[in-house]
Amino acid sequence: MTISNTGNGDVDPAVREELARLRDSIDNIDAAVVHMLAERFKATQQVGHLKARHQLPPADPAREARQIERLRTLAENAKLDPAFAEKFLNFIIAEVIRHHERIAEDTVNGTTTTAD
């Protein structure tokens, strides 16, 4: 067994290397998540403009409930806490609704909204 901490603040170089490798992987995953969220929000902005043009409400509670249930199932299958997945999706949904409300308001006022 390799001792990772010698007591004087020195870390075994092999442990340091493994930690760096794992952190690089985490950094890559974080970057992918950010890019995926950006793509998702580009699509939801388009939905917001379509809803505004056709005077549809910013929120769709039935779809949101279906999406939450779907994500909970995906999380369970992926061995991820479904409650965490639901909290994460609820956060995203709230942000999307906020965007849709602003787009609808801007449409009524005749101003242009850009993606944010």
PDB file of N, CA and C in Angstrom:
ATOM      1  N   MET A   1       0.847  -1.178   0.000  1.00  0.00           N
ATOM      2  CA  MET A   1       0.000   0.000   0.000  1.00  0.00           C
ATOM      3  C   MET A   1       0.891   1.239   0.000  1.00  0.00           C
ATOM      4  N   THR A   2       0.548   2.188  -0.879  1.00  0.00           N
ATOM      5  CA  THR A   2       1.322   3.416  -0.976  1.00  0.00           C
ATOM      6  C   THR A   2       0.800   4.425   0.027  1.00  0.00           C
ATOM      7  N   ILE A   3       1.711   5.010   0.779  1.00  0.00           N
ATOM      8  CA  ILE A   3       1.327   6.064   1.706  1.00  0.00           C
ATOM      9  C   ILE A   3       1.280   7.359   0.914  1.00  0.00           C
ATOM     10  N   SER A   4       0.108   8.004   0.932  1.00  0.00           N
ATOM     11  CA  SER A   4      -0.059   9.196   0.102  1.00  0.00           C
ATOM     12  C   SER A   4       0.377  10.467   0.804  1.00  0.00           C
ATOM     13  N   ASN A   5       0.454  10.440   2.098  1.00  0.00           N
ATOM     14  CA  ASN A   5       0.859  11.636   2.837  1.00  0.00           C
ATOM     15  C   ASN A   5       1.863  11.202   3.893  1.00  0.00           C
ATOM     16  N   THR A   6       3.057  11.742   3.806  1.00  0.00           N
ATOM     17  CA  THR A   6       4.122  11.324   4.722  1.00  0.00           C
ATOM     18  C   THR A   6       4.070  12.029   6.063  1.00  0.00           C
ATOM     19  N   GLY A   7       3.126  12.918   6.243  1.00  0.00           N
ATOM     20  CA  GLY A   7       3.004  13.612   7.507  1.00  0.00           C
ATOM     21  C   GLY A   7       3.654  14.982   7.502  1.00  0.00           C
ATOM     22  N   ASN A   8       4.556  15.240   6.568  1.00  0.00           N
ATOM     23  CA  ASN A   8       5.213  16.542   6.526  1.00  0.00           C
ATOM     24  C   ASN A   8       4.755  17.372   5.324  1.00  0.00           C
ATOM     25  N   GLY A   9       3.608  16.996   4.749  1.00  0.00           N
ATOM     26  CA  GLY A   9       3.059  17.759   3.633  1.00  0.00           C
ATOM     27  C   GLY A   9       3.479  17.230   2.281  1.00  0.00           C
ATOM     28  N   ASP A  10       4.418  16.283   2.243  1.00  0.00           N
ATOM     29  CA  ASP A  10       4.837  15.701   0.974  1.00  0.00           C
ATOM     30  C   ASP A  10       3.820  14.652   0.536  1.00  0.00           C
ATOM     31  N   VAL A  11       3.504  14.690  -0.754  1.00  0.00           N
ATOM     32  CA  VAL A  11       2.579  13.708  -1.306  1.00  0.00           C
ATOM     33  C   VAL A  11       3.356  12.826  -2.263  1.00  0.00           C
ATOM     34  N   ASP A  12       3.105  11.550  -2.174  1.00  0.00           N
ATOM     35  CA  ASP A  12       3.736  10.576  -3.063  1.00  0.00           C
ATOM     36  C   ASP A  12       3.543  11.032  -4.509  1.00  0.00           C
ATOM     37  N   PRO A  13       4.611  11.089  -5.311  1.00  0.00           N
ATOM     38  CA  PRO A  13       4.498  11.543  -6.697  1.00  0.00           C
ATOM     39  C   PRO A  13       3.490  10.741  -7.519  1.00  0.00           C
ATOM     40  N   ALA A  14       3.356   9.463  -7.255  1.00  0.00           N
ATOM     41  CA  ALA A  14       2.393   8.637  -7.981  1.00  0.00           C
ATOM     42  C   ALA A  14       0.962   9.074  -7.652  1.00  0.00           C
ATOM     43  N   VAL A  15       0.740   9.414  -6.396  1.00  0.00           N
ATOM     44  CA  VAL A  15      -0.585   9.890  -5.985  1.00  0.00           C
ATOM     45  C   VAL A  15      -0.861  11.243  -6.613  1.00  0.00           C
ATOM     46  N   ARG A  16       0.134  12.110  -6.596  1.00  0.00           N
ATOM     47  CA  ARG A  16      -0.012  13.439  -7.209  1.00  0.00           C
ATOM     48  C   ARG A  16      -0.338  13.311  -8.704  1.00  0.00           C
ATOM     49  N   GLU A  17       0.338  12.381  -9.392  1.00  0.00           N
ATOM     50  CA  GLU A  17       0.108  12.152 -10.827  1.00  0.00           C
ATOM     51  C   GLU A  17      -1.317  11.642 -11.078  1.00  0.00           C
ATOM     52  N   GLU A  18      -1.753  10.692 -10.263  1.00  0.00           N
ATOM     53  CA  GLU A  18      -3.112  10.149 -10.414  1.00  0.00           C
ATOM     54  C   GLU A  18      -4.161  11.226 -10.137  1.00  0.00           C
ATOM     55  N   LEU A  19      -3.922  12.042  -9.132  1.00  0.00           N
ATOM     56  CA  LEU A  19      -4.832  13.142  -8.807  1.00  0.00           C
ATOM     57  C   LEU A  19      -4.918  14.122  -9.972  1.00  0.00           C
ATOM     58  N   ALA A  20      -3.786  14.455 -10.568  1.00  0.00           N
ATOM     59  CA  ALA A  20      -3.766  15.367 -11.715  1.00  0.00           C
ATOM     60  C   ALA A  20      -4.523  14.764 -12.892  1.00  0.00           C
ATOM     61  N   ARG A  21      -4.335  13.460 -13.136  1.00  0.00           N
ATOM     62  CA  ARG A  21      -5.039  12.789 -14.227  1.00  0.00           C
ATOM     63  C   ARG A  21      -6.547  12.832 -14.023  1.00  0.00           C
ATOM     64  N   LEU A  22      -6.982  12.535 -12.808  1.00  0.00           N
ATOM     65  CA  LEU A  22      -8.417  12.552 -12.501  1.00  0.00           C
ATOM     66  C   LEU A  22      -8.989  13.967 -12.616  1.00  0.00           C
ATOM     67  N   ARG A  23      -8.245  14.949 -12.142  1.00  0.00           N
ATOM     68  CA  ARG A  23      -8.710  16.339 -12.222  1.00  0.00           C
ATOM     69  C   ARG A  23      -8.773  16.823 -13.667  1.00  0.00           C
ATOM     70  N   ASP A  24      -7.837  16.389 -14.501  1.00  0.00           N
ATOM     71  CA  ASP A  24      -7.905  16.739 -15.927  1.00  0.00           C
ATOM     72  C   ASP A  24      -9.183  16.183 -16.548  1.00  0.00           C
ATOM     73  N   SER A  25      -9.518  14.961 -16.176  1.00  0.00           N
ATOM     74  CA  SER A  25     -10.744  14.349 -16.687  1.00  0.00           C
ATOM     75  C   SER A  25     -11.977  15.127 -16.216  1.00  0.00           C
ATOM     76  N   ILE A  26     -11.984  15.503 -14.952  1.00  0.00           N
ATOM     77  CA  ILE A  26     -13.087  16.303 -14.406  1.00  0.00           C
ATOM     78  C   ILE A  26     -13.198  17.634 -15.144  1.00  0.00           C
ATOM     79  N   ASP A  27     -12.065  18.277 -15.401  1.00  0.00           N
ATOM     80  CA  ASP A  27     -12.070  19.551 -16.128  1.00  0.00           C
ATOM     81  C   ASP A  27     -12.653  19.385 -17.531  1.00  0.00           C
ATOM     82  N   ASN A  28     -12.300  18.290 -18.202  1.00  0.00           N
ATOM     83  CA  ASN A  28     -12.847  18.030 -19.537  1.00  0.00           C
ATOM     84  C   ASN A  28     -14.358  17.812 -19.484  1.00  0.00           C
ATOM     85  N   ILE A  29     -14.809  17.087 -18.493  1.00  0.00           N
ATOM     86  CA  ILE A  29     -16.244  16.846 -18.330  1.00  0.00           C
ATOM     87  C   ILE A  29     -16.964  18.160 -18.050  1.00  0.00           C
ATOM     88  N   ASP A  30     -16.409  18.991 -17.171  1.00  0.00           N
ATOM     89  CA  ASP A  30     -17.012  20.301 -16.881  1.00  0.00           C
ATOM     90  C   ASP A  30     -17.135  21.137 -18.150  1.00  0.00           C
ATOM     91  N   ALA A  31     -16.110  21.131 -18.974  1.00  0.00           N
ATOM     92  CA  ALA A  31     -16.154  21.888 -20.229  1.00  0.00           C
ATOM     93  C   ALA A  31     -17.255  21.354 -21.132  1.00  0.00           C
ATOM     94  N   ALA A  32     -17.383  20.047 -21.214  1.00  0.00           N
ATOM     95  CA  ALA A  32     -18.437  19.443 -22.041  1.00  0.00           C
ATOM     96  C   ALA A  32     -19.819  19.812 -21.523  1.00  0.00           C
ATOM     97  N   VAL A  33     -19.989  19.796 -20.207  1.00  0.00           N
ATOM     98  CA  VAL A  33     -21.284  20.166 -19.610  1.00  0.00           C
ATOM     99  C   VAL A  33     -21.637  21.605 -19.964  1.00  0.00           C
ATOM    100  N   VAL A  34     -20.679  22.509 -19.861  1.00  0.00           N
ATOM    101  CA  VAL A  34     -20.930  23.919 -20.184  1.00  0.00           C
ATOM    102  C   VAL A  34     -21.331  24.062 -21.648  1.00  0.00           C
ATOM    103  N   HIS A  35     -20.626  23.375 -22.532  1.00  0.00           N
ATOM    104  CA  HIS A  35     -20.953  23.466 -23.956  1.00  0.00           C
ATOM    105  C   HIS A  35     -22.330  22.854 -24.254  1.00  0.00           C
ATOM    106  N   MET A  36     -22.657  21.762 -23.595  1.00  0.00           N
ATOM    107  CA  MET A  36     -23.979  21.148 -23.782  1.00  0.00           C
ATOM    108  C   MET A  36     -25.084  22.069 -23.264  1.00  0.00           C
ATOM    109  N   LEU A  37     -24.858  22.706 -22.126  1.00  0.00           N
ATOM    110  CA  LEU A  37     -25.849  23.649 -21.604  1.00  0.00           C
ATOM    111  C   LEU A  37     -26.022  24.841 -22.546  1.00  0.00           C
ATOM    112  N   ALA A  38     -24.924  25.316 -23.122  1.00  0.00           N
ATOM    113  CA  ALA A  38     -25.017  26.426 -24.078  1.00  0.00           C
ATOM    114  C   ALA A  38     -25.869  26.029 -25.271  1.00  0.00           C
ATOM    115  N   GLU A  39     -25.672  24.836 -25.788  1.00  0.00           N
ATOM    116  CA  GLU A  39     -26.484  24.358 -26.918  1.00  0.00           C
ATOM    117  C   GLU A  39     -27.945  24.207 -26.511  1.00  0.00           C
ATOM    118  N   ARG A  40     -28.174  23.709 -25.303  1.00  0.00           N
ATOM    119  CA  ARG A  40     -29.546  23.551 -24.823  1.00  0.00           C
ATOM    120  C   ARG A  40     -30.236  24.911 -24.741  1.00  0.00           C
ATOM    121  N   PHE A  41     -29.549  25.907 -24.211  1.00  0.00           N
ATOM    122  CA  PHE A  41     -30.153  27.226 -24.075  1.00  0.00           C
ATOM    123  C   PHE A  41     -30.354  27.902 -25.432  1.00  0.00           C
ATOM    124  N   LYS A  42     -29.518  27.613 -26.412  1.00  0.00           N
ATOM    125  CA  LYS A  42     -29.767  28.133 -27.760  1.00  0.00           C
ATOM    126  C   LYS A  42     -31.099  27.592 -28.280  1.00  0.00           C
ATOM    127  N   ALA A  43     -31.338  26.305 -28.058  1.00  0.00           N
ATOM    128  CA  ALA A  43     -32.594  25.691 -28.505  1.00  0.00           C
ATOM    129  C   ALA A  43     -33.787  26.246 -27.730  1.00  0.00           C
ATOM    130  N   THR A  44     -33.629  26.420 -26.419  1.00  0.00           N
ATOM    131  CA  THR A  44     -34.766  26.926 -25.641  1.00  0.00           C
ATOM    132  C   THR A  44     -35.054  28.388 -25.963  1.00  0.00           C
ATOM    133  N   GLN A  45     -34.039  29.139 -26.382  1.00  0.00           N
ATOM    134  CA  GLN A  45     -34.286  30.519 -26.826  1.00  0.00           C
ATOM    135  C   GLN A  45     -35.190  30.501 -28.069  1.00  0.00           C
ATOM    136  N   GLN A  46     -34.915  29.571 -28.976  1.00  0.00           N
ATOM    137  CA  GLN A  46     -35.741  29.454 -30.175  1.00  0.00           C
ATOM    138  C   GLN A  46     -37.178  29.075 -29.805  1.00  0.00           C
ATOM    139  N   VAL A  47     -37.317  28.179 -28.836  1.00  0.00           N
ATOM    140  CA  VAL A  47     -38.657  27.813 -28.341  1.00  0.00           C
ATOM    141  C   VAL A  47     -39.346  29.045 -27.772  1.00  0.00           C
ATOM    142  N   GLY A  48     -38.602  29.833 -27.001  1.00  0.00           N
ATOM    143  CA  GLY A  48     -39.165  31.048 -26.403  1.00  0.00           C
ATOM    144  C   GLY A  48     -39.675  32.020 -27.453  1.00  0.00           C
ATOM    145  N   HIS A  49     -38.925  32.206 -28.529  1.00  0.00           N
ATOM    146  CA  HIS A  49     -39.361  33.099 -29.603  1.00  0.00           C
ATOM    147  C   HIS A  49     -40.595  32.546 -30.307  1.00  0.00           C
ATOM    148  N   LEU A  50     -40.627  31.241 -30.532  1.00  0.00           N
ATOM    149  CA  LEU A  50     -41.794  30.620 -31.157  1.00  0.00           C
ATOM    150  C   LEU A  50     -43.027  30.776 -30.273  1.00  0.00           C
ATOM    151  N   LYS A  51     -42.869  30.524 -28.989  1.00  0.00           N
ATOM    152  CA  LYS A  51     -43.985  30.694 -28.053  1.00  0.00           C
ATOM    153  C   LYS A  51     -44.465  32.140 -28.041  1.00  0.00           C
ATOM    154  N   ALA A  52     -43.543  33.069 -28.026  1.00  0.00           N
ATOM    155  CA  ALA A  52     -43.913  34.490 -27.973  1.00  0.00           C
ATOM    156  C   ALA A  52     -44.673  34.897 -29.241  1.00  0.00           C
ATOM    157  N   ARG A  53     -44.194  34.447 -30.399  1.00  0.00           N
ATOM    158  CA  ARG A  53     -44.865  34.799 -31.658  1.00  0.00           C
ATOM    159  C   ARG A  53     -46.292  34.272 -31.708  1.00  0.00           C
ATOM    160  N   HIS A  54     -46.523  33.143 -31.052  1.00  0.00           N
ATOM    161  CA  HIS A  54     -47.845  32.512 -31.090  1.00  0.00           C
ATOM    162  C   HIS A  54     -48.608  32.685 -29.783  1.00  0.00           C
ATOM    163  N   GLN A  55     -48.105  33.581 -28.944  1.00  0.00           N
ATOM    164  CA  GLN A  55     -48.743  33.932 -27.675  1.00  0.00           C
ATOM    165  C   GLN A  55     -49.031  32.716 -26.802  1.00  0.00           C
ATOM    166  N   LEU A  56     -48.054  31.825 -26.742  1.00  0.00           N
ATOM    167  CA  LEU A  56     -48.150  30.655 -25.865  1.00  0.00           C
ATOM    168  C   LEU A  56     -47.500  31.007 -24.531  1.00  0.00           C
ATOM    169  N   PRO A  57     -47.939  30.384 -23.458  1.00  0.00           N
ATOM    170  CA  PRO A  57     -47.368  30.709 -22.140  1.00  0.00           C
ATOM    171  C   PRO A  57     -45.898  30.292 -22.047  1.00  0.00           C
ATOM    172  N   PRO A  58     -45.113  31.041 -21.274  1.00  0.00           N
ATOM    173  CA  PRO A  58     -43.688  30.716 -21.119  1.00  0.00           C
ATOM    174  C   PRO A  58     -43.448  29.342 -20.493  1.00  0.00           C
ATOM    175  N   ALA A  59     -44.314  28.930 -19.590  1.00  0.00           N
ATOM    176  CA  ALA A  59     -44.144  27.649 -18.900  1.00  0.00           C
ATOM    177  C   ALA A  59     -45.104  26.617 -19.476  1.00  0.00           C
ATOM    178  N   ASP A  60     -44.686  25.357 -19.415  1.00  0.00           N
ATOM    179  CA  ASP A  60     -45.524  24.235 -19.843  1.00  0.00           C
ATOM    180  C   ASP A  60     -45.418  23.165 -18.752  1.00  0.00           C
ATOM    181  N   PRO A  61     -46.231  23.311 -17.686  1.00  0.00           N
ATOM    182  CA  PRO A  61     -46.100  22.409 -16.529  1.00  0.00           C
ATOM    183  C   PRO A  61     -46.212  20.920 -16.869  1.00  0.00           C
ATOM    184  N   ALA A  62     -47.055  20.568 -17.830  1.00  0.00           N
ATOM    185  CA  ALA A  62     -47.193  19.148 -18.184  1.00  0.00           C
ATOM    186  C   ALA A  62     -45.892  18.619 -18.788  1.00  0.00           C
ATOM    187  N   ARG A  63     -45.303  19.386 -19.705  1.00  0.00           N
ATOM    188  CA  ARG A  63     -44.024  18.952 -20.297  1.00  0.00           C
ATOM    189  C   ARG A  63     -42.935  18.915 -19.231  1.00  0.00           C
ATOM    190  N   GLU A  64     -42.917  19.916 -18.359  1.00  0.00           N
ATOM    191  CA  GLU A  64     -41.903  19.948 -17.312  1.00  0.00           C
ATOM    192  C   GLU A  64     -41.995  18.710 -16.429  1.00  0.00           C
ATOM    193  N   ALA A  65     -43.206  18.316 -16.083  1.00  0.00           N
ATOM    194  CA  ALA A  65     -43.389  17.119 -15.253  1.00  0.00           C
ATOM    195  C   ALA A  65     -42.896  15.866 -15.986  1.00  0.00           C
ATOM    196  N   ARG A  66     -43.200  15.778 -17.281  1.00  0.00           N
ATOM    197  CA  ARG A  66     -42.718  14.631 -18.070  1.00  0.00           C
ATOM    198  C   ARG A  66     -41.198  14.614 -18.134  1.00  0.00           C
ATOM    199  N   GLN A  67     -40.602  15.788 -18.328  1.00  0.00           N
ATOM    200  CA  GLN A  67     -39.147  15.876 -18.415  1.00  0.00           C
ATOM    201  C   GLN A  67     -38.485  15.497 -17.089  1.00  0.00           C
ATOM    202  N   ILE A  68     -39.079  15.942 -15.997  1.00  0.00           N
ATOM    203  CA  ILE A  68     -38.522  15.604 -14.683  1.00  0.00           C
ATOM    204  C   ILE A  68     -38.576  14.098 -14.471  1.00  0.00           C
ATOM    205  N   GLU A  69     -39.704  13.495 -14.785  1.00  0.00           N
ATOM    206  CA  GLU A  69     -39.830  12.041 -14.622  1.00  0.00           C
ATOM    207  C   GLU A  69     -38.836  11.311 -15.521  1.00  0.00           C
ATOM    208  N   ARG A  70     -38.709  11.780 -16.751  1.00  0.00           N
ATOM    209  CA  ARG A  70     -37.763  11.180 -17.697  1.00  0.00           C
ATOM    210  C   ARG A  70     -36.333  11.293 -17.172  1.00  0.00           C
ATOM    211  N   LEU A  71     -35.965  12.460 -16.673  1.00  0.00           N
ATOM    212  CA  LEU A  71     -34.613  12.662 -16.170  1.00  0.00           C
ATOM    213  C   LEU A  71     -34.350  11.840 -14.911  1.00  0.00           C
ATOM    214  N   ARG A  72     -35.351  11.697 -14.066  1.00  0.00           N
ATOM    215  CA  ARG A  72     -35.197  10.870 -12.865  1.00  0.00           C
ATOM    216  C   ARG A  72     -34.896   9.423 -13.257  1.00  0.00           C
ATOM    217  N   THR A  73     -35.612   8.926 -14.278  1.00  0.00           N
ATOM    218  CA  THR A  73     -35.378   7.560 -14.754  1.00  0.00           C
ATOM    219  C   THR A  73     -33.980   7.422 -15.346  1.00  0.00           C
ATOM    220  N   LEU A  74     -33.581   8.403 -16.167  1.00  0.00           N
ATOM    221  CA  LEU A  74     -32.223   8.382 -16.723  1.00  0.00           C
ATOM    222  C   LEU A  74     -31.182   8.390 -15.607  1.00  0.00           C
ATOM    223  N   ALA A  75     -31.410   9.202 -14.593  1.00  0.00           N
ATOM    224  CA  ALA A  75     -30.473   9.279 -13.471  1.00  0.00           C
ATOM    225  C   ALA A  75     -30.381   7.941 -12.750  1.00  0.00           C
ATOM    226  N   GLU A  76     -31.510   7.338 -12.484  1.00  0.00           N
ATOM    227  CA  GLU A  76     -31.499   6.035 -11.810  1.00  0.00           C
ATOM    228  C   GLU A  76     -30.712   5.018 -12.622  1.00  0.00           C
ATOM    229  N   ASN A  77     -30.951   4.994 -13.931  1.00  0.00           N
ATOM    230  CA  ASN A  77     -30.246   4.045 -14.798  1.00  0.00           C
ATOM    231  C   ASN A  77     -28.745   4.322 -14.845  1.00  0.00           C
ATOM    232  N   ALA A  78     -28.367   5.578 -14.659  1.00  0.00           N
ATOM    233  CA  ALA A  78     -26.956   5.962 -14.684  1.00  0.00           C
ATOM    234  C   ALA A  78     -26.320   5.909 -13.295  1.00  0.00           C
ATOM    235  N   LYS A  79     -27.070   5.444 -12.311  1.00  0.00           N
ATOM    236  CA  LYS A  79     -26.582   5.367 -10.917  1.00  0.00           C
ATOM    237  C   LYS A  79     -26.278   6.751 -10.348  1.00  0.00           C
ATOM    238  N   LEU A  80     -27.101   7.733 -10.731  1.00  0.00           N
ATOM    239  CA  LEU A  80     -27.005   9.099 -10.213  1.00  0.00           C
ATOM    240  C   LEU A  80     -28.235   9.340  -9.351  1.00  0.00           C
ATOM    241  N   ASP A  81     -28.073  10.050  -8.281  1.00  0.00           N
ATOM    242  CA  ASP A  81     -29.182  10.342  -7.379  1.00  0.00           C
ATOM    243  C   ASP A  81     -30.295  11.058  -8.143  1.00  0.00           C
ATOM    244  N   PRO A  82     -31.480  10.447  -8.267  1.00  0.00           N
ATOM    245  CA  PRO A  82     -32.571  11.070  -9.009  1.00  0.00           C
ATOM    246  C   PRO A  82     -33.026  12.399  -8.402  1.00  0.00           C
ATOM    247  N   ALA A  83     -32.924  12.541  -7.094  1.00  0.00           N
ATOM    248  CA  ALA A  83     -33.304  13.802  -6.452  1.00  0.00           C
ATOM    249  C   ALA A  83     -32.360  14.915  -6.904  1.00  0.00           C
ATOM    250  N   PHE A  84     -31.078  14.605  -7.011  1.00  0.00           N
ATOM    251  CA  PHE A  84     -30.121  15.594  -7.509  1.00  0.00           C
ATOM    252  C   PHE A  84     -30.457  15.966  -8.954  1.00  0.00           C
ATOM    253  N   ALA A  85     -30.728  14.967  -9.780  1.00  0.00           N
ATOM    254  CA  ALA A  85     -31.062  15.223 -11.185  1.00  0.00           C
ATOM    255  C   ALA A  85     -32.297  16.104 -11.285  1.00  0.00           C
ATOM    256  N   GLU A  86     -33.280  15.849 -10.434  1.00  0.00           N
ATOM    257  CA  GLU A  86     -34.499  16.659 -10.454  1.00  0.00           C
ATOM    258  C   GLU A  86     -34.210  18.099 -10.044  1.00  0.00           C
ATOM    259  N   LYS A  87     -33.411  18.284  -9.008  1.00  0.00           N
ATOM    260  CA  LYS A  87     -33.044  19.646  -8.586  1.00  0.00           C
ATOM    261  C   LYS A  87     -32.314  20.382  -9.703  1.00  0.00           C
ATOM    262  N   PHE A  88     -31.422  19.687 -10.365  1.00  0.00           N
ATOM    263  CA  PHE A  88     -30.654  20.272 -11.464  1.00  0.00           C
ATOM    264  C   PHE A  88     -31.593  20.689 -12.602  1.00  0.00           C
ATOM    265  N   LEU A  89     -32.509  19.802 -12.987  1.00  0.00           N
ATOM    266  CA  LEU A  89     -33.443  20.134 -14.067  1.00  0.00           C
ATOM    267  C   LEU A  89     -34.384  21.260 -13.653  1.00  0.00           C
ATOM    268  N   ASN A  90     -34.836  21.265 -12.419  1.00  0.00           N
ATOM    269  CA  ASN A  90     -35.703  22.355 -11.951  1.00  0.00           C
ATOM    270  C   ASN A  90     -34.990  23.703 -12.039  1.00  0.00           C
ATOM    271  N   PHE A  91     -33.707  23.714 -11.725  1.00  0.00           N
ATOM    272  CA  PHE A  91     -32.918  24.943 -11.845  1.00  0.00           C
ATOM    273  C   PHE A  91     -32.882  25.407 -13.305  1.00  0.00           C
ATOM    274  N   ILE A  92     -32.631  24.472 -14.210  1.00  0.00           N
ATOM    275  CA  ILE A  92     -32.579  24.800 -15.631  1.00  0.00           C
ATOM    276  C   ILE A  92     -33.946  25.267 -16.128  1.00  0.00           C
ATOM    277  N   ILE A  93     -35.004  24.574 -15.739  1.00  0.00           N
ATOM    278  CA  ILE A  93     -36.360  24.948 -16.162  1.00  0.00           C
ATOM    279  C   ILE A  93     -36.691  26.358 -15.691  1.00  0.00           C
ATOM    280  N   ALA A  94     -36.360  26.670 -14.458  1.00  0.00           N
ATOM    281  CA  ALA A  94     -36.641  28.017 -13.939  1.00  0.00           C
ATOM    282  C   ALA A  94     -35.928  29.075 -14.772  1.00  0.00           C
ATOM    283  N   GLU A  95     -34.701  28.814 -15.159  1.00  0.00           N
ATOM    284  CA  GLU A  95     -33.943  29.756 -15.988  1.00  0.00           C
ATOM    285  C   GLU A  95     -34.565  29.877 -17.377  1.00  0.00           C
ATOM    286  N   VAL A  96     -34.985  28.770 -17.949  1.00  0.00           N
ATOM    287  CA  VAL A  96     -35.630  28.789 -19.268  1.00  0.00           C
ATOM    288  C   VAL A  96     -36.922  29.602 -19.212  1.00  0.00           C
ATOM    289  N   ILE A  97     -37.726  29.377 -18.190  1.00  0.00           N
ATOM    290  CA  ILE A  97     -38.982  30.122 -18.053  1.00  0.00           C
ATOM    291  C   ILE A  97     -38.695  31.613 -17.918  1.00  0.00           C
ATOM    292  N   ARG A  98     -37.682  31.959 -17.149  1.00  0.00           N
ATOM    293  CA  ARG A  98     -37.301  33.365 -17.008  1.00  0.00           C
ATOM    294  C   ARG A  98     -36.951  33.961 -18.373  1.00  0.00           C
ATOM    295  N   HIS A  99     -36.195  33.216 -19.169  1.00  0.00           N
ATOM    296  CA  HIS A  99     -35.855  33.677 -20.520  1.00  0.00           C
ATOM    297  C   HIS A  99     -37.111  33.833 -21.370  1.00  0.00           C
ATOM    298  N   HIS A 100     -37.993  32.842 -21.301  1.00  0.00           N
ATOM    299  CA  HIS A 100     -39.215  32.882 -22.109  1.00  0.00           C
ATOM    300  C   HIS A 100     -40.103  34.062 -21.713  1.00  0.00           C
ATOM    301  N   GLU A 101     -40.172  34.339 -20.429  1.00  0.00           N
ATOM    302  CA  GLU A 101     -40.955  35.498 -19.968  1.00  0.00           C
ATOM    303  C   GLU A 101     -40.384  36.798 -20.528  1.00  0.00           C
ATOM    304  N   ARG A 102     -39.063  36.895 -20.504  1.00  0.00           N
ATOM    305  CA  ARG A 102     -38.423  38.104 -21.029  1.00  0.00           C
ATOM    306  C   ARG A 102     -38.626  38.229 -22.539  1.00  0.00           C
ATOM    307  N   ILE A 103     -38.528  37.121 -23.248  1.00  0.00           N
ATOM    308  CA  ILE A 103     -38.743  37.131 -24.688  1.00  0.00           C
ATOM    309  C   ILE A 103     -40.176  37.548 -24.992  1.00  0.00           C
ATOM    310  N   ALA A 104     -41.137  37.011 -24.240  1.00  0.00           N
ATOM    311  CA  ALA A 104     -42.547  37.365 -24.451  1.00  0.00           C
ATOM    312  C   ALA A 104     -42.764  38.852 -24.184  1.00  0.00           C
ATOM    313  N   GLU A 105     -42.169  39.352 -23.117  1.00  0.00           N
ATOM    314  CA  GLU A 105     -42.304  40.776 -22.786  1.00  0.00           C
ATOM    315  C   GLU A 105     -41.684  41.647 -23.880  1.00  0.00           C
ATOM    316  N   ASP A 106     -40.511  41.261 -24.341  1.00  0.00           N
ATOM    317  CA  ASP A 106     -39.848  42.005 -25.400  1.00  0.00           C
ATOM    318  C   ASP A 106     -40.659  41.960 -26.704  1.00  0.00           C
ATOM    319  N   THR A 107     -41.298  40.839 -26.971  1.00  0.00           N
ATOM    320  CA  THR A 107     -42.107  40.707 -28.172  1.00  0.00           C
ATOM    321  C   THR A 107     -43.302  41.644 -28.108  1.00  0.00           C
ATOM    322  N   VAL A 108     -43.939  41.713 -26.948  1.00  0.00           N
ATOM    323  CA  VAL A 108     -45.081  42.612 -26.756  1.00  0.00           C
ATOM    324  C   VAL A 108     -44.630  44.067 -26.886  1.00  0.00           C
ATOM    325  N   ASN A 109     -43.459  44.379 -26.369  1.00  0.00           N
ATOM    326  CA  ASN A 109     -42.943  45.746 -26.383  1.00  0.00           C
ATOM    327  C   ASN A 109     -42.261  46.108 -27.704  1.00  0.00           C
ATOM    328  N   GLY A 110     -42.086  45.127 -28.570  1.00  0.00           N
ATOM    329  CA  GLY A 110     -41.447  45.388 -29.857  1.00  0.00           C
ATOM    330  C   GLY A 110     -39.944  45.520 -29.794  1.00  0.00           C
ATOM    331  N   THR A 111     -39.318  45.002 -28.729  1.00  0.00           N
ATOM    332  CA  THR A 111     -37.857  45.030 -28.621  1.00  0.00           C
ATOM    333  C   THR A 111     -37.300  43.673 -28.974  1.00  0.00           C
ATOM    334  N   THR A 112     -36.008  43.613 -29.208  1.00  0.00           N
ATOM    335  CA  THR A 112     -35.360  42.367 -29.606  1.00  0.00           C
ATOM    336  C   THR A 112     -34.577  41.800 -28.439  1.00  0.00           C
ATOM    337  N   THR A 113     -34.712  40.487 -28.236  1.00  0.00           N
ATOM    338  CA  THR A 113     -33.965  39.788 -27.189  1.00  0.00           C
ATOM    339  C   THR A 113     -32.898  38.938 -27.860  1.00  0.00           C
ATOM    340  N   THR A 114     -31.694  39.012 -27.342  1.00  0.00           N
ATOM    341  CA  THR A 114     -30.623  38.150 -27.830  1.00  0.00           C
ATOM    342  C   THR A 114     -30.415  37.030 -26.835  1.00  0.00           C
ATOM    343  N   ALA A 115     -29.839  35.957 -27.299  1.00  0.00           N
ATOM    344  CA  ALA A 115     -29.558  34.823 -26.406  1.00  0.00           C
ATOM    345  C   ALA A 115     -28.553  35.260 -25.353  1.00  0.00           C
ATOM    346  N   ASP A 116     -28.761  34.739 -24.130  1.00  0.00           N
ATOM    347  CA  ASP A 116     -27.790  35.032 -23.074  1.00  0.00           C
ATOM    348  C   ASP A 116     -27.301  33.794 -22.411  1.00  0.00           C
TER     349      ASP A 116
END
